[in-house]
Amino acid sequence: FIMFNFRDGDSRSRMESVLTEYDMTIMDYPRYYEGCPLLTMETVHHFLKSAESWLLLSQQNILLSHCELGGWPTLAFMLASLLLYRKQFSGEQRTLEMIYKHAPRELLQLMSPLNPLPSQLRFLQYISSRDVGSQWPPLDRALTLDCVNLRLIPDFDGEGGCRPIFRIYG
């Protein structure tokens, strides 16, 4: 058994404490990145490679996934990523919806006010369209934006100003 634990902060979860007593390998991942229920492409890549190599070692190997309160969107995304990466499912939206349908209703009510689905679908498109022979995750490339429309400018400093930072992947 190996367990992928999506946790909040540095404290150990009860599940982790119990499974360590049985000498199980536990790999910890954050349940969000900068407040979003999505992880960096490097973290996703590490998860996919670790899960795939574990599953390829033996047909008896079992992968367990666990998330703490509020971590369901990240866990759902990572499971969809794994299914697409291993080509066991096709269609990013269909795969993600299938996993979300398995969530208990109480978990869906605990989701953040930020809708993670558009960003998760974009990341899943990167994963499913990867070329097996090419560099993955993709290298950073310079990009020029001709225009950015901000419909509402947040007042971060109390003086009507803000300094937006754009991170674009793809």
N, C-alpha and C. Protein backbone atom coordinates (compact mmCIF):
# COMPACT_ATOMS: atom_id res chain seq x y z
N PHE A 1 0.84 -1.19 0.00
CA PHE A 1 0.00 0.00 0.00
C PHE A 1 0.88 1.25 0.00
N ILE A 2 0.42 2.25 -0.67
CA ILE A 2 0.99 3.59 -0.57
C ILE A 2 -0.19 4.55 -0.45
N MET A 3 -0.02 5.57 0.36
CA MET A 3 -1.12 6.53 0.52
C MET A 3 -0.64 7.91 0.10
N PHE A 4 -1.45 8.55 -0.72
CA PHE A 4 -1.23 9.95 -1.08
C PHE A 4 -2.16 10.77 -0.21
N ASN A 5 -1.57 11.58 0.63
CA ASN A 5 -2.31 12.35 1.63
C ASN A 5 -2.30 13.83 1.25
N PHE A 6 -3.46 14.39 0.98
CA PHE A 6 -3.58 15.81 0.66
C PHE A 6 -4.00 16.51 1.94
N ARG A 7 -3.05 17.19 2.56
CA ARG A 7 -3.31 17.72 3.89
C ARG A 7 -3.13 19.23 3.94
N ASP A 8 -3.55 19.77 5.05
CA ASP A 8 -3.47 21.21 5.29
C ASP A 8 -2.35 21.48 6.29
N GLY A 9 -1.35 22.22 5.88
CA GLY A 9 -0.29 22.60 6.81
C GLY A 9 0.70 21.48 7.07
N ASP A 10 1.42 21.63 8.18
CA ASP A 10 2.48 20.69 8.51
C ASP A 10 2.10 19.66 9.57
N SER A 11 0.91 19.80 10.16
CA SER A 11 0.53 18.86 11.22
C SER A 11 0.09 17.52 10.61
N ARG A 12 0.35 16.45 11.36
CA ARG A 12 -0.03 15.12 10.90
C ARG A 12 -1.52 14.89 11.10
N SER A 13 -2.13 14.22 10.15
CA SER A 13 -3.55 13.89 10.28
C SER A 13 -3.69 12.61 11.09
N ARG A 14 -4.88 12.36 11.60
CA ARG A 14 -5.13 11.12 12.35
C ARG A 14 -4.93 9.91 11.44
N MET A 15 -5.39 10.03 10.19
CA MET A 15 -5.24 8.94 9.24
C MET A 15 -3.76 8.60 9.04
N GLU A 16 -2.96 9.62 8.93
CA GLU A 16 -1.52 9.42 8.74
C GLU A 16 -0.91 8.73 9.96
N SER A 17 -1.31 9.15 11.14
CA SER A 17 -0.79 8.55 12.38
C SER A 17 -1.13 7.06 12.45
N VAL A 18 -2.35 6.71 12.09
CA VAL A 18 -2.77 5.30 12.15
C VAL A 18 -2.01 4.47 11.12
N LEU A 19 -1.91 4.97 9.90
CA LEU A 19 -1.28 4.17 8.84
C LEU A 19 0.23 4.02 9.03
N THR A 20 0.87 4.97 9.68
CA THR A 20 2.31 4.86 9.94
C THR A 20 2.58 3.70 10.89
N GLU A 21 1.65 3.41 11.77
CA GLU A 21 1.81 2.29 12.69
C GLU A 21 1.87 0.96 11.93
N TYR A 22 1.28 0.90 10.74
CA TYR A 22 1.28 -0.31 9.93
C TYR A 22 2.37 -0.29 8.88
N ASP A 23 3.35 0.61 9.06
CA ASP A 23 4.51 0.70 8.18
C ASP A 23 4.13 0.95 6.72
N MET A 24 3.14 1.79 6.50
CA MET A 24 2.73 2.15 5.14
C MET A 24 3.49 3.38 4.68
N THR A 25 3.79 3.43 3.40
CA THR A 25 4.42 4.61 2.82
C THR A 25 3.36 5.67 2.62
N ILE A 26 3.66 6.87 3.10
CA ILE A 26 2.71 7.98 2.98
C ILE A 26 3.42 9.13 2.28
N MET A 27 2.82 9.60 1.22
CA MET A 27 3.37 10.75 0.50
C MET A 27 2.43 11.92 0.72
N ASP A 28 2.95 12.97 1.31
CA ASP A 28 2.14 14.15 1.60
C ASP A 28 2.21 15.15 0.47
N TYR A 29 1.04 15.70 0.17
CA TYR A 29 0.93 16.78 -0.81
C TYR A 29 0.05 17.85 -0.18
N PRO A 30 0.24 19.10 -0.59
CA PRO A 30 -0.65 20.14 -0.06
C PRO A 30 -2.04 19.98 -0.67
N ARG A 31 -3.04 20.49 0.01
CA ARG A 31 -4.40 20.38 -0.55
C ARG A 31 -4.76 21.59 -1.38
N TYR A 32 -3.89 22.59 -1.40
CA TYR A 32 -4.10 23.75 -2.26
C TYR A 32 -2.77 24.47 -2.46
N TYR A 33 -2.75 25.35 -3.43
CA TYR A 33 -1.58 26.17 -3.71
C TYR A 33 -2.03 27.62 -3.79
N GLU A 34 -1.46 28.45 -2.94
CA GLU A 34 -1.80 29.87 -2.87
C GLU A 34 -3.31 30.10 -2.78
N GLY A 35 -3.97 29.29 -1.97
CA GLY A 35 -5.40 29.46 -1.73
C GLY A 35 -6.30 28.83 -2.77
N CYS A 36 -5.75 28.24 -3.81
CA CYS A 36 -6.56 27.62 -4.87
C CYS A 36 -6.48 26.10 -4.75
N PRO A 37 -7.60 25.41 -4.97
CA PRO A 37 -7.59 23.94 -4.89
C PRO A 37 -6.97 23.32 -6.14
N LEU A 38 -5.73 23.69 -6.39
CA LEU A 38 -4.98 23.22 -7.55
C LEU A 38 -3.52 23.24 -7.15
N LEU A 39 -2.71 22.37 -7.68
CA LEU A 39 -1.30 22.31 -7.32
C LEU A 39 -0.44 22.74 -8.50
N THR A 40 0.83 23.01 -8.23
CA THR A 40 1.72 23.42 -9.31
C THR A 40 1.89 22.26 -10.28
N MET A 41 2.26 22.58 -11.50
CA MET A 41 2.47 21.55 -12.51
C MET A 41 3.58 20.59 -12.08
N GLU A 42 4.60 21.10 -11.40
CA GLU A 42 5.68 20.24 -10.91
C GLU A 42 5.16 19.24 -9.88
N THR A 43 4.28 19.71 -8.98
CA THR A 43 3.71 18.82 -7.96
C THR A 43 2.82 17.77 -8.61
N VAL A 44 2.02 18.19 -9.58
CA VAL A 44 1.15 17.24 -10.30
C VAL A 44 2.02 16.20 -11.00
N HIS A 45 3.09 16.65 -11.63
CA HIS A 45 3.99 15.73 -12.34
C HIS A 45 4.60 14.72 -11.36
N HIS A 46 5.04 15.19 -10.20
CA HIS A 46 5.62 14.29 -9.18
C HIS A 46 4.59 13.25 -8.74
N PHE A 47 3.36 13.70 -8.49
CA PHE A 47 2.29 12.79 -8.10
C PHE A 47 2.06 11.73 -9.17
N LEU A 48 1.95 12.15 -10.43
CA LEU A 48 1.67 11.22 -11.52
C LEU A 48 2.79 10.20 -11.69
N LYS A 49 4.02 10.66 -11.65
CA LYS A 49 5.16 9.75 -11.80
C LYS A 49 5.25 8.77 -10.62
N SER A 50 5.04 9.27 -9.41
CA SER A 50 5.09 8.40 -8.22
C SER A 50 3.99 7.36 -8.26
N ALA A 51 2.78 7.78 -8.57
CA ALA A 51 1.64 6.86 -8.62
C ALA A 51 1.84 5.82 -9.72
N GLU A 52 2.27 6.27 -10.89
CA GLU A 52 2.46 5.33 -11.99
C GLU A 52 3.55 4.31 -11.68
N SER A 53 4.67 4.76 -11.15
CA SER A 53 5.75 3.81 -10.86
C SER A 53 5.33 2.81 -9.78
N TRP A 54 4.56 3.26 -8.79
CA TRP A 54 4.07 2.35 -7.76
C TRP A 54 3.12 1.30 -8.35
N LEU A 55 2.21 1.74 -9.19
CA LEU A 55 1.24 0.81 -9.77
C LEU A 55 1.90 -0.16 -10.76
N LEU A 56 2.98 0.26 -11.41
CA LEU A 56 3.66 -0.62 -12.36
C LEU A 56 4.56 -1.66 -11.69
N LEU A 57 4.90 -1.44 -10.42
CA LEU A 57 5.78 -2.39 -9.72
C LEU A 57 5.14 -3.77 -9.58
N SER A 58 3.85 -3.80 -9.30
CA SER A 58 3.16 -5.07 -9.10
C SER A 58 1.65 -4.85 -9.26
N GLN A 59 0.98 -5.87 -9.77
CA GLN A 59 -0.47 -5.76 -9.90
C GLN A 59 -1.16 -5.81 -8.55
N GLN A 60 -0.45 -6.25 -7.52
CA GLN A 60 -1.02 -6.27 -6.17
C GLN A 60 -0.89 -4.93 -5.45
N ASN A 61 -0.13 -4.01 -5.99
CA ASN A 61 0.05 -2.72 -5.33
C ASN A 61 -1.25 -1.92 -5.35
N ILE A 62 -1.54 -1.32 -4.21
CA ILE A 62 -2.76 -0.54 -4.05
C ILE A 62 -2.40 0.89 -3.70
N LEU A 63 -3.08 1.81 -4.31
CA LEU A 63 -2.87 3.23 -4.06
C LEU A 63 -4.07 3.76 -3.29
N LEU A 64 -3.84 4.32 -2.12
CA LEU A 64 -4.90 4.93 -1.33
C LEU A 64 -4.76 6.44 -1.43
N SER A 65 -5.88 7.13 -1.45
CA SER A 65 -5.87 8.60 -1.47
C SER A 65 -6.69 9.09 -0.30
N HIS A 66 -6.20 10.13 0.34
CA HIS A 66 -6.88 10.69 1.49
C HIS A 66 -6.76 12.20 1.43
N CYS A 67 -7.84 12.89 1.80
CA CYS A 67 -7.76 14.35 1.89
C CYS A 67 -8.42 14.78 3.19
N GLU A 68 -7.91 15.86 3.71
CA GLU A 68 -8.49 16.43 4.91
C GLU A 68 -9.63 17.36 4.53
N LEU A 69 -10.32 17.84 5.53
CA LEU A 69 -11.47 18.71 5.33
C LEU A 69 -11.16 19.83 4.34
N GLY A 70 -11.96 19.94 3.30
CA GLY A 70 -11.76 20.98 2.30
C GLY A 70 -10.83 20.59 1.17
N GLY A 71 -10.27 19.39 1.23
CA GLY A 71 -9.31 18.97 0.21
C GLY A 71 -9.90 18.19 -0.94
N TRP A 72 -11.22 18.00 -0.94
CA TRP A 72 -11.84 17.18 -1.98
C TRP A 72 -11.59 17.70 -3.39
N PRO A 73 -11.70 19.00 -3.68
CA PRO A 73 -11.46 19.45 -5.06
C PRO A 73 -10.06 19.09 -5.56
N THR A 74 -9.06 19.19 -4.70
CA THR A 74 -7.70 18.84 -5.11
C THR A 74 -7.58 17.34 -5.33
N LEU A 75 -8.14 16.56 -4.44
CA LEU A 75 -8.09 15.10 -4.59
C LEU A 75 -8.81 14.67 -5.87
N ALA A 76 -9.97 15.23 -6.14
CA ALA A 76 -10.71 14.89 -7.35
C ALA A 76 -9.90 15.22 -8.60
N PHE A 77 -9.27 16.38 -8.59
CA PHE A 77 -8.43 16.79 -9.72
C PHE A 77 -7.26 15.83 -9.91
N MET A 78 -6.61 15.46 -8.82
CA MET A 78 -5.44 14.58 -8.93
C MET A 78 -5.84 13.18 -9.41
N LEU A 79 -6.98 12.69 -8.95
CA LEU A 79 -7.44 11.38 -9.43
C LEU A 79 -7.79 11.44 -10.92
N ALA A 80 -8.44 12.51 -11.34
CA ALA A 80 -8.75 12.68 -12.77
C ALA A 80 -7.45 12.77 -13.57
N SER A 81 -6.47 13.46 -13.03
CA SER A 81 -5.16 13.57 -13.70
C SER A 81 -4.54 12.19 -13.91
N LEU A 82 -4.60 11.38 -12.87
CA LEU A 82 -4.00 10.05 -12.95
C LEU A 82 -4.72 9.18 -13.98
N LEU A 83 -6.04 9.25 -14.00
CA LEU A 83 -6.80 8.46 -14.98
C LEU A 83 -6.48 8.89 -16.41
N LEU A 84 -6.35 10.18 -16.63
CA LEU A 84 -6.02 10.68 -17.97
C LEU A 84 -4.57 10.38 -18.33
N TYR A 85 -3.68 10.54 -17.38
CA TYR A 85 -2.25 10.30 -17.60
C TYR A 85 -1.99 8.85 -17.99
N ARG A 86 -2.69 7.93 -17.33
CA ARG A 86 -2.52 6.51 -17.62
C ARG A 86 -3.42 6.05 -18.77
N LYS A 87 -4.13 7.00 -19.36
CA LYS A 87 -5.02 6.75 -20.51
C LYS A 87 -6.08 5.70 -20.19
N GLN A 88 -6.59 5.73 -18.95
CA GLN A 88 -7.67 4.83 -18.56
C GLN A 88 -9.02 5.49 -18.80
N PHE A 89 -9.03 6.79 -19.00
CA PHE A 89 -10.22 7.55 -19.36
C PHE A 89 -9.82 8.55 -20.42
N SER A 90 -10.79 9.02 -21.17
CA SER A 90 -10.52 10.11 -22.12
C SER A 90 -11.61 11.16 -21.93
N GLY A 91 -11.28 12.37 -22.24
CA GLY A 91 -12.22 13.47 -22.05
C GLY A 91 -12.06 14.08 -20.68
N GLU A 92 -11.45 15.25 -20.64
CA GLU A 92 -11.13 15.89 -19.37
C GLU A 92 -12.38 16.18 -18.54
N GLN A 93 -13.36 16.82 -19.16
CA GLN A 93 -14.56 17.20 -18.42
C GLN A 93 -15.34 15.98 -17.94
N ARG A 94 -15.47 15.01 -18.80
CA ARG A 94 -16.20 13.79 -18.44
C ARG A 94 -15.52 13.07 -17.27
N THR A 95 -14.20 13.00 -17.31
CA THR A 95 -13.45 12.33 -16.23
C THR A 95 -13.61 13.07 -14.91
N LEU A 96 -13.46 14.40 -14.95
CA LEU A 96 -13.58 15.19 -13.73
C LEU A 96 -14.99 15.11 -13.16
N GLU A 97 -16.00 15.21 -14.02
CA GLU A 97 -17.39 15.12 -13.56
C GLU A 97 -17.68 13.75 -12.95
N MET A 98 -17.14 12.70 -13.54
CA MET A 98 -17.35 11.35 -13.02
C MET A 98 -16.81 11.24 -11.60
N ILE A 99 -15.65 11.82 -11.35
CA ILE A 99 -15.07 11.75 -10.00
C ILE A 99 -15.86 12.63 -9.03
N TYR A 100 -16.25 13.82 -9.45
CA TYR A 100 -17.03 14.70 -8.57
C TYR A 100 -18.37 14.07 -8.19
N LYS A 101 -18.95 13.27 -9.08
CA LYS A 101 -20.23 12.62 -8.78
C LYS A 101 -20.11 11.61 -7.63
N HIS A 102 -18.90 11.12 -7.39
CA HIS A 102 -18.70 10.14 -6.31
C HIS A 102 -18.51 10.80 -4.95
N ALA A 103 -18.47 12.12 -4.92
CA ALA A 103 -18.24 12.83 -3.66
C ALA A 103 -19.51 12.81 -2.81
N PRO A 104 -19.36 12.57 -1.53
CA PRO A 104 -20.52 12.70 -0.64
C PRO A 104 -21.02 14.15 -0.67
N ARG A 105 -22.30 14.35 -0.56
CA ARG A 105 -22.89 15.68 -0.64
C ARG A 105 -22.29 16.66 0.37
N GLU A 106 -21.96 16.14 1.57
CA GLU A 106 -21.40 17.06 2.57
C GLU A 106 -20.05 17.63 2.14
N LEU A 107 -19.29 16.87 1.37
CA LEU A 107 -18.00 17.38 0.89
C LEU A 107 -18.20 18.49 -0.13
N LEU A 108 -19.19 18.35 -0.97
CA LEU A 108 -19.43 19.38 -1.98
C LEU A 108 -19.86 20.69 -1.36
N GLN A 109 -20.53 20.63 -0.22
CA GLN A 109 -20.96 21.85 0.46
C GLN A 109 -19.78 22.58 1.11
N LEU A 110 -18.69 21.86 1.37
CA LEU A 110 -17.53 22.46 2.01
C LEU A 110 -16.54 23.06 1.01
N MET A 111 -16.88 23.00 -0.26
CA MET A 111 -15.96 23.54 -1.26
C MET A 111 -15.80 25.04 -1.09
N SER A 112 -14.66 25.52 -1.53
CA SER A 112 -14.37 26.95 -1.40
C SER A 112 -15.29 27.75 -2.32
N PRO A 113 -15.45 29.05 -2.04
CA PRO A 113 -16.28 29.87 -2.91
C PRO A 113 -15.67 30.03 -4.31
N LEU A 114 -14.39 29.75 -4.42
CA LEU A 114 -13.71 29.80 -5.71
C LEU A 114 -14.05 28.54 -6.49
N ASN A 115 -14.56 28.69 -7.70
CA ASN A 115 -14.90 27.53 -8.53
C ASN A 115 -13.63 27.00 -9.18
N PRO A 116 -13.16 25.81 -8.77
CA PRO A 116 -11.90 25.30 -9.29
C PRO A 116 -12.00 24.63 -10.67
N LEU A 117 -13.21 24.34 -11.13
CA LEU A 117 -13.37 23.52 -12.33
C LEU A 117 -12.71 24.09 -13.59
N PRO A 118 -12.86 25.39 -13.92
CA PRO A 118 -12.20 25.87 -15.15
C PRO A 118 -10.68 25.69 -15.13
N SER A 119 -10.05 25.99 -14.01
CA SER A 119 -8.59 25.82 -13.91
C SER A 119 -8.22 24.35 -13.94
N GLN A 120 -8.99 23.53 -13.25
CA GLN A 120 -8.70 22.10 -13.25
C GLN A 120 -8.83 21.51 -14.65
N LEU A 121 -9.85 21.93 -15.38
CA LEU A 121 -10.03 21.43 -16.75
C LEU A 121 -8.87 21.84 -17.64
N ARG A 122 -8.36 23.05 -17.47
CA ARG A 122 -7.23 23.51 -18.27
C ARG A 122 -5.99 22.67 -17.96
N PHE A 123 -5.73 22.41 -16.69
CA PHE A 123 -4.59 21.57 -16.32
C PHE A 123 -4.76 20.16 -16.88
N LEU A 124 -5.99 19.64 -16.82
CA LEU A 124 -6.24 18.30 -17.35
C LEU A 124 -6.00 18.25 -18.86
N GLN A 125 -6.27 19.34 -19.55
CA GLN A 125 -5.98 19.40 -20.99
C GLN A 125 -4.48 19.29 -21.23
N TYR A 126 -3.66 19.94 -20.39
CA TYR A 126 -2.21 19.80 -20.52
C TYR A 126 -1.79 18.35 -20.35
N ILE A 127 -2.38 17.71 -19.35
CA ILE A 127 -1.98 16.34 -19.02
C ILE A 127 -2.39 15.37 -20.12
N SER A 128 -3.62 15.49 -20.60
CA SER A 128 -4.09 14.52 -21.60
C SER A 128 -3.49 14.77 -22.98
N SER A 129 -3.02 15.99 -23.25
CA SER A 129 -2.47 16.28 -24.58
C SER A 129 -0.95 16.15 -24.61
N ARG A 130 -0.36 15.72 -23.51
CA ARG A 130 1.10 15.61 -23.48
C ARG A 130 1.57 14.58 -24.49
N ASP A 131 2.71 14.85 -25.05
CA ASP A 131 3.35 13.93 -25.98
C ASP A 131 4.32 13.09 -25.16
N VAL A 132 4.20 11.78 -25.24
CA VAL A 132 4.99 10.90 -24.39
C VAL A 132 6.49 11.13 -24.57
N GLY A 133 6.91 11.47 -25.77
CA GLY A 133 8.34 11.66 -26.02
C GLY A 133 8.85 13.05 -25.69
N SER A 134 7.98 13.98 -25.41
CA SER A 134 8.42 15.36 -25.19
C SER A 134 8.66 15.65 -23.71
N GLN A 135 9.24 16.81 -23.48
CA GLN A 135 9.50 17.28 -22.11
C GLN A 135 8.17 17.51 -21.41
N TRP A 136 8.01 16.90 -20.22
CA TRP A 136 6.79 17.12 -19.46
C TRP A 136 7.13 17.13 -17.99
N PRO A 137 6.69 18.06 -17.21
CA PRO A 137 5.80 19.15 -17.59
C PRO A 137 6.49 20.12 -18.54
N PRO A 138 5.69 20.87 -19.30
CA PRO A 138 6.27 21.76 -20.31
C PRO A 138 7.16 22.82 -19.67
N LEU A 139 8.20 23.21 -20.41
CA LEU A 139 9.10 24.25 -19.94
C LEU A 139 8.40 25.60 -19.98
N ASP A 140 8.83 26.50 -19.10
CA ASP A 140 8.28 27.86 -19.11
C ASP A 140 8.76 28.57 -20.37
N ARG A 141 7.88 29.32 -20.99
CA ARG A 141 8.21 30.10 -22.18
C ARG A 141 7.76 31.53 -21.97
N ALA A 142 8.48 32.44 -22.59
CA ALA A 142 8.09 33.85 -22.52
C ALA A 142 6.81 34.05 -23.33
N LEU A 143 5.96 34.92 -22.85
CA LEU A 143 4.68 35.18 -23.49
C LEU A 143 4.41 36.67 -23.44
N THR A 144 3.93 37.21 -24.53
CA THR A 144 3.57 38.62 -24.56
C THR A 144 2.05 38.73 -24.62
N LEU A 145 1.49 39.48 -23.68
CA LEU A 145 0.05 39.73 -23.68
C LEU A 145 -0.19 41.07 -24.34
N ASP A 146 -1.02 41.09 -25.35
CA ASP A 146 -1.34 42.35 -26.02
C ASP A 146 -2.33 43.16 -25.22
N CYS A 147 -3.23 42.48 -24.54
CA CYS A 147 -4.29 43.20 -23.85
C CYS A 147 -4.82 42.34 -22.71
N VAL A 148 -5.08 42.98 -21.59
CA VAL A 148 -5.72 42.32 -20.46
C VAL A 148 -6.85 43.23 -20.00
N ASN A 149 -8.05 42.70 -19.99
CA ASN A 149 -9.21 43.48 -19.54
C ASN A 149 -9.54 43.09 -18.11
N LEU A 150 -9.50 44.06 -17.23
CA LEU A 150 -9.92 43.85 -15.85
C LEU A 150 -11.24 44.57 -15.67
N ARG A 151 -12.28 43.83 -15.40
CA ARG A 151 -13.60 44.43 -15.27
C ARG A 151 -13.78 45.14 -13.94
N LEU A 152 -13.17 44.62 -12.92
CA LEU A 152 -13.26 45.23 -11.60
C LEU A 152 -11.86 45.24 -11.01
N ILE A 153 -11.39 46.42 -10.66
CA ILE A 153 -10.04 46.52 -10.11
C ILE A 153 -10.15 46.52 -8.59
N PRO A 154 -9.56 45.52 -7.96
CA PRO A 154 -9.63 45.45 -6.50
C PRO A 154 -8.82 46.58 -5.86
N ASP A 155 -9.29 47.05 -4.72
CA ASP A 155 -8.63 48.13 -3.99
C ASP A 155 -7.82 47.51 -2.85
N PHE A 156 -6.64 46.98 -3.18
CA PHE A 156 -5.84 46.27 -2.19
C PHE A 156 -5.19 47.19 -1.17
N ASP A 157 -4.74 48.35 -1.60
CA ASP A 157 -3.98 49.21 -0.69
C ASP A 157 -4.81 50.35 -0.09
N GLY A 158 -6.10 50.37 -0.37
CA GLY A 158 -6.96 51.42 0.18
C GLY A 158 -6.85 52.73 -0.57
N GLU A 159 -6.02 52.78 -1.61
CA GLU A 159 -5.85 54.00 -2.40
C GLU A 159 -6.27 53.78 -3.85
N GLY A 160 -7.04 52.73 -4.08
CA GLY A 160 -7.56 52.48 -5.42
C GLY A 160 -6.59 51.78 -6.35
N GLY A 161 -5.52 51.24 -5.84
CA GLY A 161 -4.52 50.62 -6.71
C GLY A 161 -4.34 49.14 -6.45
N CYS A 162 -3.75 48.51 -7.42
CA CYS A 162 -3.39 47.11 -7.28
C CYS A 162 -2.25 46.81 -8.25
N ARG A 163 -1.57 45.73 -8.02
CA ARG A 163 -0.51 45.30 -8.91
C ARG A 163 -0.77 43.84 -9.27
N PRO A 164 -1.51 43.60 -10.35
CA PRO A 164 -1.82 42.21 -10.70
C PRO A 164 -0.59 41.47 -11.20
N ILE A 165 -0.54 40.20 -10.88
CA ILE A 165 0.51 39.31 -11.37
C ILE A 165 -0.18 38.22 -12.16
N PHE A 166 0.27 38.00 -13.36
CA PHE A 166 -0.34 36.99 -14.23
C PHE A 166 0.61 35.81 -14.37
N ARG A 167 0.09 34.64 -14.11
CA ARG A 167 0.83 33.40 -14.35
C ARG A 167 0.01 32.61 -15.35
N ILE A 168 0.59 32.36 -16.48
CA ILE A 168 -0.13 31.67 -17.55
C ILE A 168 0.64 30.41 -17.88
N TYR A 169 -0.06 29.30 -17.89
CA TYR A 169 0.56 28.02 -18.21
C TYR A 169 -0.01 27.52 -19.52
N GLY A 170 0.84 27.01 -20.36
CA GLY A 170 0.36 26.41 -21.59
C GLY A 170 1.02 26.95 -22.81
